[in-house]
Amino acid sequence: MDWMRKLAFRYRKVIEVYEKYKGNVSALLSPQRRDSLQGLRADIETLTDGWLGTALKCLLLIQSRKNRVNVLITTTQLVPALSKVLLYGLGEILPIENIYEGRSKSTH
């Protein structure tokens, strides 16, 4: 039971950090890392022909519609997936309760 309490505490902390910084992940970073993140986002936009901007527009459109929500199901572990959502600036559009780890369990 002790491991369950530790796990519950960890996930409460993850939720707290996500909620606090979902609109401004830059506040978690040093000025140098903020600049690096902005440069990386710009590079991603250039190299992917505007993928991030297009994804953002689509997610905002879905969010604006009545009775519609954005859901993310990922094969990545949950905490790294949440980190990526924040780093891509999608935290405001993807509520933490709508992000799921959907890895299939191996039967080996």
PDB file of N, CA and C in Angstrom:
ATOM      1  N   MET A   1       0.808  -1.197   0.000  1.00  0.00           N
ATOM      2  CA  MET A   1       0.000   0.000   0.000  1.00  0.00           C
ATOM      3  C   MET A   1       0.856   1.268   0.000  1.00  0.00           C
ATOM      4  N   ASP A   2       2.042   1.181   0.561  1.00  0.00           N
ATOM      5  CA  ASP A   2       2.903   2.367   0.612  1.00  0.00           C
ATOM      6  C   ASP A   2       3.263   2.835  -0.801  1.00  0.00           C
ATOM      7  N   TRP A   3       3.510   1.919  -1.725  1.00  0.00           N
ATOM      8  CA  TRP A   3       3.848   2.290  -3.090  1.00  0.00           C
ATOM      9  C   TRP A   3       2.685   3.002  -3.770  1.00  0.00           C
ATOM     10  N   MET A   4       1.466   2.642  -3.386  1.00  0.00           N
ATOM     11  CA  MET A   4       0.289   3.299  -3.972  1.00  0.00           C
ATOM     12  C   MET A   4       0.195   4.749  -3.503  1.00  0.00           C
ATOM     13  N   ARG A   5       0.494   4.970  -2.248  1.00  0.00           N
ATOM     14  CA  ARG A   5       0.483   6.351  -1.727  1.00  0.00           C
ATOM     15  C   ARG A   5       1.555   7.188  -2.408  1.00  0.00           C
ATOM     16  N   LYS A   6       2.741   6.607  -2.597  1.00  0.00           N
ATOM     17  CA  LYS A   6       3.824   7.318  -3.272  1.00  0.00           C
ATOM     18  C   LYS A   6       3.443   7.638  -4.712  1.00  0.00           C
ATOM     19  N   LEU A   7       2.848   6.674  -5.388  1.00  0.00           N
ATOM     20  CA  LEU A   7       2.421   6.885  -6.766  1.00  0.00           C
ATOM     21  C   LEU A   7       1.335   7.959  -6.846  1.00  0.00           C
ATOM     22  N   ALA A   8       0.378   7.907  -5.938  1.00  0.00           N
ATOM     23  CA  ALA A   8      -0.686   8.916  -5.909  1.00  0.00           C
ATOM     24  C   ALA A   8      -0.100  10.303  -5.658  1.00  0.00           C
ATOM     25  N   PHE A   9       0.859  10.403  -4.742  1.00  0.00           N
ATOM     26  CA  PHE A   9       1.503  11.690  -4.470  1.00  0.00           C
ATOM     27  C   PHE A   9       2.217  12.196  -5.722  1.00  0.00           C
ATOM     28  N   ARG A  10       2.934  11.286  -6.390  1.00  0.00           N
ATOM     29  CA  ARG A  10       3.670  11.678  -7.594  1.00  0.00           C
ATOM     30  C   ARG A  10       2.723  12.235  -8.651  1.00  0.00           C
ATOM     31  N   TYR A  11       1.622  11.567  -8.879  1.00  0.00           N
ATOM     32  CA  TYR A  11       0.694  12.024  -9.913  1.00  0.00           C
ATOM     33  C   TYR A  11      -0.039  13.297  -9.511  1.00  0.00           C
ATOM     34  N   ARG A  12      -0.295  13.472  -8.225  1.00  0.00           N
ATOM     35  CA  ARG A  12      -0.870  14.759  -7.784  1.00  0.00           C
ATOM     36  C   ARG A  12       0.114  15.889  -8.077  1.00  0.00           C
ATOM     37  N   LYS A  13       1.386  15.635  -7.840  1.00  0.00           N
ATOM     38  CA  LYS A  13       2.428  16.637  -8.100  1.00  0.00           C
ATOM     39  C   LYS A  13       2.535  16.930  -9.606  1.00  0.00           C
ATOM     40  N   VAL A  14       2.465  15.890 -10.431  1.00  0.00           N
ATOM     41  CA  VAL A  14       2.506  16.064 -11.881  1.00  0.00           C
ATOM     42  C   VAL A  14       1.330  16.926 -12.337  1.00  0.00           C
ATOM     43  N   ILE A  15       0.143  16.631 -11.828  1.00  0.00           N
ATOM     44  CA  ILE A  15      -1.055  17.412 -12.176  1.00  0.00           C
ATOM     45  C   ILE A  15      -0.875  18.863 -11.740  1.00  0.00           C
ATOM     46  N   GLU A  16      -0.352  19.066 -10.548  1.00  0.00           N
ATOM     47  CA  GLU A  16      -0.138  20.424 -10.033  1.00  0.00           C
ATOM     48  C   GLU A  16       0.797  21.223 -10.946  1.00  0.00           C
ATOM     49  N   VAL A  17       1.906  20.625 -11.336  1.00  0.00           N
ATOM     50  CA  VAL A  17       2.869  21.307 -12.208  1.00  0.00           C
ATOM     51  C   VAL A  17       2.241  21.573 -13.577  1.00  0.00           C
ATOM     52  N   TYR A  18       1.553  20.582 -14.128  1.00  0.00           N
ATOM     53  CA  TYR A  18       0.918  20.745 -15.433  1.00  0.00           C
ATOM     54  C   TYR A  18      -0.081  21.894 -15.399  1.00  0.00           C
ATOM     55  N   GLU A  19      -0.942  21.904 -14.399  1.00  0.00           N
ATOM     56  CA  GLU A  19      -1.959  22.956 -14.299  1.00  0.00           C
ATOM     57  C   GLU A  19      -1.327  24.336 -14.108  1.00  0.00           C
ATOM     58  N   LYS A  20      -0.263  24.388 -13.340  1.00  0.00           N
ATOM     59  CA  LYS A  20       0.380  25.671 -13.056  1.00  0.00           C
ATOM     60  C   LYS A  20       1.082  26.259 -14.284  1.00  0.00           C
ATOM     61  N   TYR A  21       1.680  25.395 -15.107  1.00  0.00           N
ATOM     62  CA  TYR A  21       2.502  25.873 -16.210  1.00  0.00           C
ATOM     63  C   TYR A  21       1.922  25.592 -17.598  1.00  0.00           C
ATOM     64  N   LYS A  22       0.681  25.105 -17.674  1.00  0.00           N
ATOM     65  CA  LYS A  22       0.116  24.742 -18.975  1.00  0.00           C
ATOM     66  C   LYS A  22       0.011  25.918 -19.934  1.00  0.00           C
ATOM     67  N   GLY A  23      -0.083  27.110 -19.414  1.00  0.00           N
ATOM     68  CA  GLY A  23      -0.167  28.286 -20.273  1.00  0.00           C
ATOM     69  C   GLY A  23       1.150  29.019 -20.428  1.00  0.00           C
ATOM     70  N   ASN A  24       2.181  28.577 -19.692  1.00  0.00           N
ATOM     71  CA  ASN A  24       3.449  29.293 -19.736  1.00  0.00           C
ATOM     72  C   ASN A  24       4.579  28.385 -19.275  1.00  0.00           C
ATOM     73  N   VAL A  25       4.920  27.408 -20.088  1.00  0.00           N
ATOM     74  CA  VAL A  25       5.997  26.483 -19.737  1.00  0.00           C
ATOM     75  C   VAL A  25       7.331  27.222 -19.624  1.00  0.00           C
ATOM     76  N   SER A  26       7.445  28.358 -20.272  1.00  0.00           N
ATOM     77  CA  SER A  26       8.686  29.141 -20.219  1.00  0.00           C
ATOM     78  C   SER A  26       9.044  29.558 -18.800  1.00  0.00           C
ATOM     79  N   ALA A  27       8.036  29.675 -17.941  1.00  0.00           N
ATOM     80  CA  ALA A  27       8.299  30.058 -16.553  1.00  0.00           C
ATOM     81  C   ALA A  27       9.097  28.987 -15.807  1.00  0.00           C
ATOM     82  N   LEU A  28       9.108  27.778 -16.318  1.00  0.00           N
ATOM     83  CA  LEU A  28       9.896  26.696 -15.713  1.00  0.00           C
ATOM     84  C   LEU A  28      11.358  26.736 -16.134  1.00  0.00           C
ATOM     85  N   LEU A  29      11.662  27.507 -17.165  1.00  0.00           N
ATOM     86  CA  LEU A  29      12.977  27.451 -17.791  1.00  0.00           C
ATOM     87  C   LEU A  29      13.823  28.679 -17.496  1.00  0.00           C
ATOM     88  N   SER A  30      15.118  28.494 -17.578  1.00  0.00           N
ATOM     89  CA  SER A  30      16.036  29.628 -17.475  1.00  0.00           C
ATOM     90  C   SER A  30      15.904  30.459 -18.751  1.00  0.00           C
ATOM     91  N   PRO A  31      16.329  31.723 -18.720  1.00  0.00           N
ATOM     92  CA  PRO A  31      16.254  32.552 -19.933  1.00  0.00           C
ATOM     93  C   PRO A  31      16.947  31.911 -21.140  1.00  0.00           C
ATOM     94  N   GLN A  32      18.081  31.269 -20.918  1.00  0.00           N
ATOM     95  CA  GLN A  32      18.808  30.628 -22.019  1.00  0.00           C
ATOM     96  C   GLN A  32      17.993  29.469 -22.595  1.00  0.00           C
ATOM     97  N   ARG A  33      17.390  28.675 -21.742  1.00  0.00           N
ATOM     98  CA  ARG A  33      16.578  27.541 -22.218  1.00  0.00           C
ATOM     99  C   ARG A  33      15.288  28.022 -22.879  1.00  0.00           C
ATOM    100  N   ARG A  34      14.738  29.132 -22.388  1.00  0.00           N
ATOM    101  CA  ARG A  34      13.552  29.725 -23.037  1.00  0.00           C
ATOM    102  C   ARG A  34      13.870  30.090 -24.472  1.00  0.00           C
ATOM    103  N   ASP A  35      15.021  30.742 -24.659  1.00  0.00           N
ATOM    104  CA  ASP A  35      15.439  31.123 -26.011  1.00  0.00           C
ATOM    105  C   ASP A  35      15.650  29.885 -26.878  1.00  0.00           C
ATOM    106  N   SER A  36      16.248  28.853 -26.294  1.00  0.00           N
ATOM    107  CA  SER A  36      16.454  27.602 -27.039  1.00  0.00           C
ATOM    108  C   SER A  36      15.123  26.988 -27.443  1.00  0.00           C
ATOM    109  N   LEU A  37      14.156  26.998 -26.535  1.00  0.00           N
ATOM    110  CA  LEU A  37      12.840  26.432 -26.833  1.00  0.00           C
ATOM    111  C   LEU A  37      12.161  27.209 -27.957  1.00  0.00           C
ATOM    112  N   GLN A  38      12.219  28.524 -27.904  1.00  0.00           N
ATOM    113  CA  GLN A  38      11.616  29.336 -28.955  1.00  0.00           C
ATOM    114  C   GLN A  38      12.280  29.065 -30.302  1.00  0.00           C
ATOM    115  N   GLY A  39      13.601  28.928 -30.288  1.00  0.00           N
ATOM    116  CA  GLY A  39      14.326  28.611 -31.518  1.00  0.00           C
ATOM    117  C   GLY A  39      13.961  27.234 -32.043  1.00  0.00           C
ATOM    118  N   LEU A  40      13.827  26.279 -31.136  1.00  0.00           N
ATOM    119  CA  LEU A  40      13.455  24.922 -31.531  1.00  0.00           C
ATOM    120  C   LEU A  40      12.057  24.891 -32.127  1.00  0.00           C
ATOM    121  N   ARG A  41      11.117  25.599 -31.512  1.00  0.00           N
ATOM    122  CA  ARG A  41       9.758  25.668 -32.067  1.00  0.00           C
ATOM    123  C   ARG A  41       9.772  26.287 -33.466  1.00  0.00           C
ATOM    124  N   ALA A  42      10.556  27.334 -33.634  1.00  0.00           N
ATOM    125  CA  ALA A  42      10.658  27.978 -34.952  1.00  0.00           C
ATOM    126  C   ALA A  42      11.259  27.013 -35.976  1.00  0.00           C
ATOM    127  N   ASP A  43      12.275  26.265 -35.562  1.00  0.00           N
ATOM    128  CA  ASP A  43      12.882  25.281 -36.461  1.00  0.00           C
ATOM    129  C   ASP A  43      11.884  24.184 -36.832  1.00  0.00           C
ATOM    130  N   ILE A  44      11.120  23.716 -35.857  1.00  0.00           N
ATOM    131  CA  ILE A  44      10.111  22.691 -36.122  1.00  0.00           C
ATOM    132  C   ILE A  44       9.107  23.209 -37.142  1.00  0.00           C
ATOM    133  N   GLU A  45       8.659  24.433 -36.969  1.00  0.00           N
ATOM    134  CA  GLU A  45       7.704  25.022 -37.910  1.00  0.00           C
ATOM    135  C   GLU A  45       8.285  25.073 -39.322  1.00  0.00           C
ATOM    136  N   THR A  46       9.532  25.469 -39.420  1.00  0.00           N
ATOM    137  CA  THR A  46      10.179  25.571 -40.731  1.00  0.00           C
ATOM    138  C   THR A  46      10.364  24.200 -41.364  1.00  0.00           C
ATOM    139  N   LEU A  47      10.893  23.268 -40.596  1.00  0.00           N
ATOM    140  CA  LEU A  47      11.221  21.947 -41.136  1.00  0.00           C
ATOM    141  C   LEU A  47       9.990  21.088 -41.420  1.00  0.00           C
ATOM    142  N   THR A  48       8.876  21.379 -40.767  1.00  0.00           N
ATOM    143  CA  THR A  48       7.667  20.563 -40.962  1.00  0.00           C
ATOM    144  C   THR A  48       6.599  21.313 -41.742  1.00  0.00           C
ATOM    145  N   ASP A  49       6.986  22.408 -42.365  1.00  0.00           N
ATOM    146  CA  ASP A  49       6.049  23.206 -43.161  1.00  0.00           C
ATOM    147  C   ASP A  49       4.834  23.647 -42.340  1.00  0.00           C
ATOM    148  N   GLY A  50       5.096  24.100 -41.129  1.00  0.00           N
ATOM    149  CA  GLY A  50       4.042  24.670 -40.289  1.00  0.00           C
ATOM    150  C   GLY A  50       3.184  23.663 -39.545  1.00  0.00           C
ATOM    151  N   TRP A  51       3.730  22.470 -39.271  1.00  0.00           N
ATOM    152  CA  TRP A  51       2.970  21.421 -38.600  1.00  0.00           C
ATOM    153  C   TRP A  51       2.374  21.887 -37.275  1.00  0.00           C
ATOM    154  N   LEU A  52       3.183  22.507 -36.426  1.00  0.00           N
ATOM    155  CA  LEU A  52       2.713  22.899 -35.099  1.00  0.00           C
ATOM    156  C   LEU A  52       1.610  23.949 -35.190  1.00  0.00           C
ATOM    157  N   GLY A  53       1.779  24.921 -36.046  1.00  0.00           N
ATOM    158  CA  GLY A  53       0.747  25.938 -36.227  1.00  0.00           C
ATOM    159  C   GLY A  53      -0.551  25.356 -36.752  1.00  0.00           C
ATOM    160  N   THR A  54      -0.447  24.429 -37.687  1.00  0.00           N
ATOM    161  CA  THR A  54      -1.635  23.776 -38.236  1.00  0.00           C
ATOM    162  C   THR A  54      -2.324  22.929 -37.170  1.00  0.00           C
ATOM    163  N   ALA A  55      -1.540  22.180 -36.406  1.00  0.00           N
ATOM    164  CA  ALA A  55      -2.109  21.369 -35.327  1.00  0.00           C
ATOM    165  C   ALA A  55      -2.820  22.254 -34.306  1.00  0.00           C
ATOM    166  N   LEU A  56      -2.204  23.375 -33.971  1.00  0.00           N
ATOM    167  CA  LEU A  56      -2.808  24.310 -33.019  1.00  0.00           C
ATOM    168  C   LEU A  56      -4.138  24.845 -33.541  1.00  0.00           C
ATOM    169  N   LYS A  57      -4.186  25.231 -34.806  1.00  0.00           N
ATOM    170  CA  LYS A  57      -5.439  25.719 -35.400  1.00  0.00           C
ATOM    171  C   LYS A  57      -6.528  24.654 -35.349  1.00  0.00           C
ATOM    172  N   CYS A  58      -6.174  23.418 -35.673  1.00  0.00           N
ATOM    173  CA  CYS A  58      -7.150  22.323 -35.645  1.00  0.00           C
ATOM    174  C   CYS A  58      -7.678  22.089 -34.232  1.00  0.00           C
ATOM    175  N   LEU A  59      -6.788  22.057 -33.278  1.00  0.00           N
ATOM    176  CA  LEU A  59      -7.196  21.824 -31.887  1.00  0.00           C
ATOM    177  C   LEU A  59      -8.066  22.968 -31.357  1.00  0.00           C
ATOM    178  N   LEU A  60      -7.736  24.187 -31.741  1.00  0.00           N
ATOM    179  CA  LEU A  60      -8.559  25.330 -31.332  1.00  0.00           C
ATOM    180  C   LEU A  60      -9.947  25.269 -31.959  1.00  0.00           C
ATOM    181  N   LEU A  61     -10.025  24.846 -33.204  1.00  0.00           N
ATOM    182  CA  LEU A  61     -11.313  24.696 -33.882  1.00  0.00           C
ATOM    183  C   LEU A  61     -12.175  23.647 -33.171  1.00  0.00           C
ATOM    184  N   ILE A  62     -11.581  22.517 -32.858  1.00  0.00           N
ATOM    185  CA  ILE A  62     -12.320  21.473 -32.134  1.00  0.00           C
ATOM    186  C   ILE A  62     -12.795  21.997 -30.788  1.00  0.00           C
ATOM    187  N   GLN A  63     -11.905  22.670 -30.075  1.00  0.00           N
ATOM    188  CA  GLN A  63     -12.237  23.198 -28.749  1.00  0.00           C
ATOM    189  C   GLN A  63     -13.370  24.219 -28.809  1.00  0.00           C
ATOM    190  N   SER A  64     -13.475  24.941 -29.893  1.00  0.00           N
ATOM    191  CA  SER A  64     -14.488  25.995 -30.009  1.00  0.00           C
ATOM    192  C   SER A  64     -15.885  25.444 -30.291  1.00  0.00           C
ATOM    193  N   ARG A  65     -15.973  24.214 -30.711  1.00  0.00           N
ATOM    194  CA  ARG A  65     -17.263  23.621 -31.051  1.00  0.00           C
ATOM    195  C   ARG A  65     -17.981  23.110 -29.811  1.00  0.00           C
ATOM    196  N   LYS A  66     -19.279  23.251 -29.841  1.00  0.00           N
ATOM    197  CA  LYS A  66     -20.107  22.819 -28.721  1.00  0.00           C
ATOM    198  C   LYS A  66     -20.024  21.295 -28.573  1.00  0.00           C
ATOM    199  N   ASN A  67     -19.919  20.848 -27.339  1.00  0.00           N
ATOM    200  CA  ASN A  67     -19.895  19.421 -26.996  1.00  0.00           C
ATOM    201  C   ASN A  67     -18.729  18.664 -27.631  1.00  0.00           C
ATOM    202  N   ARG A  68     -17.601  19.332 -27.828  1.00  0.00           N
ATOM    203  CA  ARG A  68     -16.412  18.687 -28.387  1.00  0.00           C
ATOM    204  C   ARG A  68     -15.221  18.970 -27.469  1.00  0.00           C
ATOM    205  N   VAL A  69     -14.352  17.990 -27.350  1.00  0.00           N
ATOM    206  CA  VAL A  69     -13.142  18.163 -26.542  1.00  0.00           C
ATOM    207  C   VAL A  69     -11.965  17.548 -27.287  1.00  0.00           C
ATOM    208  N   ASN A  70     -10.795  18.013 -26.969  1.00  0.00           N
ATOM    209  CA  ASN A  70      -9.572  17.437 -27.502  1.00  0.00           C
ATOM    210  C   ASN A  70      -9.107  16.340 -26.557  1.00  0.00           C
ATOM    211  N   VAL A  71      -8.754  15.194 -27.130  1.00  0.00           N
ATOM    212  CA  VAL A  71      -8.253  14.057 -26.367  1.00  0.00           C
ATOM    213  C   VAL A  71      -6.959  13.604 -27.023  1.00  0.00           C
ATOM    214  N   LEU A  72      -5.976  13.298 -26.199  1.00  0.00           N
ATOM    215  CA  LEU A  72      -4.711  12.786 -26.707  1.00  0.00           C
ATOM    216  C   LEU A  72      -4.491  11.398 -26.117  1.00  0.00           C
ATOM    217  N   ILE A  73      -4.304  10.420 -26.990  1.00  0.00           N
ATOM    218  CA  ILE A  73      -3.935   9.067 -26.572  1.00  0.00           C
ATOM    219  C   ILE A  73      -2.558   8.812 -27.159  1.00  0.00           C
ATOM    220  N   THR A  74      -1.625   8.451 -26.309  1.00  0.00           N
ATOM    221  CA  THR A  74      -0.244   8.330 -26.737  1.00  0.00           C
ATOM    222  C   THR A  74       0.339   6.978 -26.360  1.00  0.00           C
ATOM    223  N   THR A  75       1.294   6.519 -27.139  1.00  0.00           N
ATOM    224  CA  THR A  75       2.012   5.307 -26.775  1.00  0.00           C
ATOM    225  C   THR A  75       3.225   5.639 -25.910  1.00  0.00           C
ATOM    226  N   THR A  76       3.485   6.920 -25.743  1.00  0.00           N
ATOM    227  CA  THR A  76       4.558   7.386 -24.867  1.00  0.00           C
ATOM    228  C   THR A  76       4.088   7.273 -23.419  1.00  0.00           C
ATOM    229  N   GLN A  77       5.002   7.082 -22.500  1.00  0.00           N
ATOM    230  CA  GLN A  77       4.634   7.094 -21.084  1.00  0.00           C
ATOM    231  C   GLN A  77       4.017   8.441 -20.747  1.00  0.00           C
ATOM    232  N   LEU A  78       3.151   8.460 -19.764  1.00  0.00           N
ATOM    233  CA  LEU A  78       2.331   9.633 -19.482  1.00  0.00           C
ATOM    234  C   LEU A  78       3.141  10.887 -19.143  1.00  0.00           C
ATOM    235  N   VAL A  79       4.086  10.794 -18.245  1.00  0.00           N
ATOM    236  CA  VAL A  79       4.825  11.995 -17.829  1.00  0.00           C
ATOM    237  C   VAL A  79       5.625  12.596 -18.989  1.00  0.00           C
ATOM    238  N   PRO A  80       6.365  11.811 -19.778  1.00  0.00           N
ATOM    239  CA  PRO A  80       7.019  12.416 -20.948  1.00  0.00           C
ATOM    240  C   PRO A  80       6.023  13.001 -21.951  1.00  0.00           C
ATOM    241  N   ALA A  81       4.879  12.363 -22.109  1.00  0.00           N
ATOM    242  CA  ALA A  81       3.864  12.901 -23.024  1.00  0.00           C
ATOM    243  C   ALA A  81       3.357  14.251 -22.535  1.00  0.00           C
ATOM    244  N   LEU A  82       3.110  14.367 -21.240  1.00  0.00           N
ATOM    245  CA  LEU A  82       2.666  15.650 -20.677  1.00  0.00           C
ATOM    246  C   LEU A  82       3.730  16.716 -20.877  1.00  0.00           C
ATOM    247  N   SER A  83       4.975  16.339 -20.707  1.00  0.00           N
ATOM    248  CA  SER A  83       6.075  17.284 -20.912  1.00  0.00           C
ATOM    249  C   SER A  83       6.106  17.785 -22.347  1.00  0.00           C
ATOM    250  N   LYS A  84       5.918  16.885 -23.285  1.00  0.00           N
ATOM    251  CA  LYS A  84       5.916  17.276 -24.703  1.00  0.00           C
ATOM    252  C   LYS A  84       4.752  18.211 -25.007  1.00  0.00           C
ATOM    253  N   VAL A  85       3.596  17.916 -24.442  1.00  0.00           N
ATOM    254  CA  VAL A  85       2.432  18.789 -24.658  1.00  0.00           C
ATOM    255  C   VAL A  85       2.759  20.203 -24.173  1.00  0.00           C
ATOM    256  N   LEU A  86       3.369  20.306 -22.996  1.00  0.00           N
ATOM    257  CA  LEU A  86       3.735  21.623 -22.473  1.00  0.00           C
ATOM    258  C   LEU A  86       4.787  22.291 -23.345  1.00  0.00           C
ATOM    259  N   LEU A  87       5.808  21.546 -23.746  1.00  0.00           N
ATOM    260  CA  LEU A  87       6.877  22.131 -24.560  1.00  0.00           C
ATOM    261  C   LEU A  87       6.382  22.603 -25.923  1.00  0.00           C
ATOM    262  N   TYR A  88       5.392  21.915 -26.480  1.00  0.00           N
ATOM    263  CA  TYR A  88       4.816  22.346 -27.752  1.00  0.00           C
ATOM    264  C   TYR A  88       3.813  23.478 -27.574  1.00  0.00           C
ATOM    265  N   GLY A  89       3.524  23.862 -26.323  1.00  0.00           N
ATOM    266  CA  GLY A  89       2.603  24.964 -26.083  1.00  0.00           C
ATOM    267  C   GLY A  89       1.141  24.582 -26.246  1.00  0.00           C
ATOM    268  N   LEU A  90       0.820  23.316 -26.014  1.00  0.00           N
ATOM    269  CA  LEU A  90      -0.538  22.839 -26.220  1.00  0.00           C
ATOM    270  C   LEU A  90      -1.284  22.561 -24.914  1.00  0.00           C
ATOM    271  N   GLY A  91      -0.721  22.977 -23.797  1.00  0.00           N
ATOM    272  CA  GLY A  91      -1.318  22.694 -22.499  1.00  0.00           C
ATOM    273  C   GLY A  91      -2.692  23.293 -22.287  1.00  0.00           C
ATOM    274  N   GLU A  92      -2.931  24.471 -22.820  1.00  0.00           N
ATOM    275  CA  GLU A  92      -4.240  25.120 -22.660  1.00  0.00           C
ATOM    276  C   GLU A  92      -5.326  24.421 -23.474  1.00  0.00           C
ATOM    277  N   ILE A  93      -4.920  23.725 -24.514  1.00  0.00           N
ATOM    278  CA  ILE A  93      -5.873  23.095 -25.431  1.00  0.00           C
ATOM    279  C   ILE A  93      -6.109  21.625 -25.082  1.00  0.00           C
ATOM    280  N   LEU A  94      -5.153  21.031 -24.386  1.00  0.00           N
ATOM    281  CA  LEU A  94      -5.268  19.627 -23.998  1.00  0.00           C
ATOM    282  C   LEU A  94      -5.294  19.520 -22.474  1.00  0.00           C
ATOM    283  N   PRO A  95      -6.478  19.507 -21.887  1.00  0.00           N
ATOM    284  CA  PRO A  95      -6.569  19.363 -20.433  1.00  0.00           C
ATOM    285  C   PRO A  95      -5.941  18.045 -19.985  1.00  0.00           C
ATOM    286  N   ILE A  96      -5.294  18.059 -18.858  1.00  0.00           N
ATOM    287  CA  ILE A  96      -4.582  16.871 -18.379  1.00  0.00           C
ATOM    288  C   ILE A  96      -5.510  15.669 -18.220  1.00  0.00           C
ATOM    289  N   GLU A  97      -6.758  15.911 -17.880  1.00  0.00           N
ATOM    290  CA  GLU A  97      -7.689  14.791 -17.709  1.00  0.00           C
ATOM    291  C   GLU A  97      -8.084  14.154 -19.043  1.00  0.00           C
ATOM    292  N   ASN A  98      -7.679  14.768 -20.157  1.00  0.00           N
ATOM    293  CA  ASN A  98      -7.978  14.233 -21.486  1.00  0.00           C
ATOM    294  C   ASN A  98      -6.740  13.673 -22.182  1.00  0.00           C
ATOM    295  N   ILE A  99      -5.696  13.415 -21.410  1.00  0.00           N
ATOM    296  CA  ILE A  99      -4.469  12.853 -21.967  1.00  0.00           C
ATOM    297  C   ILE A  99      -4.272  11.470 -21.357  1.00  0.00           C
ATOM    298  N   TYR A 100      -4.159  10.480 -22.242  1.00  0.00           N
ATOM    299  CA  TYR A 100      -4.103   9.089 -21.802  1.00  0.00           C
ATOM    300  C   TYR A 100      -2.908   8.372 -22.403  1.00  0.00           C
ATOM    301  N   GLU A 101      -2.357   7.474 -21.616  1.00  0.00           N
ATOM    302  CA  GLU A 101      -1.317   6.588 -22.087  1.00  0.00           C
ATOM    303  C   GLU A 101      -2.019   5.326 -22.572  1.00  0.00           C
ATOM    304  N   GLY A 102      -1.879   5.037 -23.861  1.00  0.00           N
ATOM    305  CA  GLY A 102      -2.620   3.931 -24.442  1.00  0.00           C
ATOM    306  C   GLY A 102      -1.743   2.794 -24.910  1.00  0.00           C
ATOM    307  N   ARG A 103      -0.637   2.574 -24.226  1.00  0.00           N
ATOM    308  CA  ARG A 103       0.245   1.476 -24.630  1.00  0.00           C
ATOM    309  C   ARG A 103      -0.442   0.144 -24.369  1.00  0.00           C
ATOM    310  N   SER A 104      -0.308  -0.737 -25.323  1.00  0.00           N
ATOM    311  CA  SER A 104      -0.860  -2.082 -25.094  1.00  0.00           C
ATOM    312  C   SER A 104       0.146  -2.861 -24.249  1.00  0.00           C
ATOM    313  N   LYS A 105      -0.360  -3.673 -23.380  1.00  0.00           N
ATOM    314  CA  LYS A 105       0.491  -4.465 -22.495  1.00  0.00           C
ATOM    315  C   LYS A 105       0.937  -5.723 -23.221  1.00  0.00           C
ATOM    316  N   SER A 106       2.204  -6.021 -23.101  1.00  0.00           N
ATOM    317  CA  SER A 106       2.749  -7.204 -23.750  1.00  0.00           C
ATOM    318  C   SER A 106       2.272  -8.458 -23.021  1.00  0.00           C
ATOM    319  N   THR A 107       2.079  -9.503 -23.774  1.00  0.00           N
ATOM    320  CA  THR A 107       1.653 -10.767 -23.171  1.00  0.00           C
ATOM    321  C   THR A 107       2.799 -11.733 -23.038  1.00  0.00           C
ATOM    322  N   HIS A 108       4.033 -11.275 -23.240  1.00  0.00           N
ATOM    323  CA  HIS A 108       5.200 -12.155 -23.151  1.00  0.00           C
ATOM    324  C   HIS A 108       5.598 -12.407 -21.732  1.00  0.00           C
TER     325      HIS A 108
END
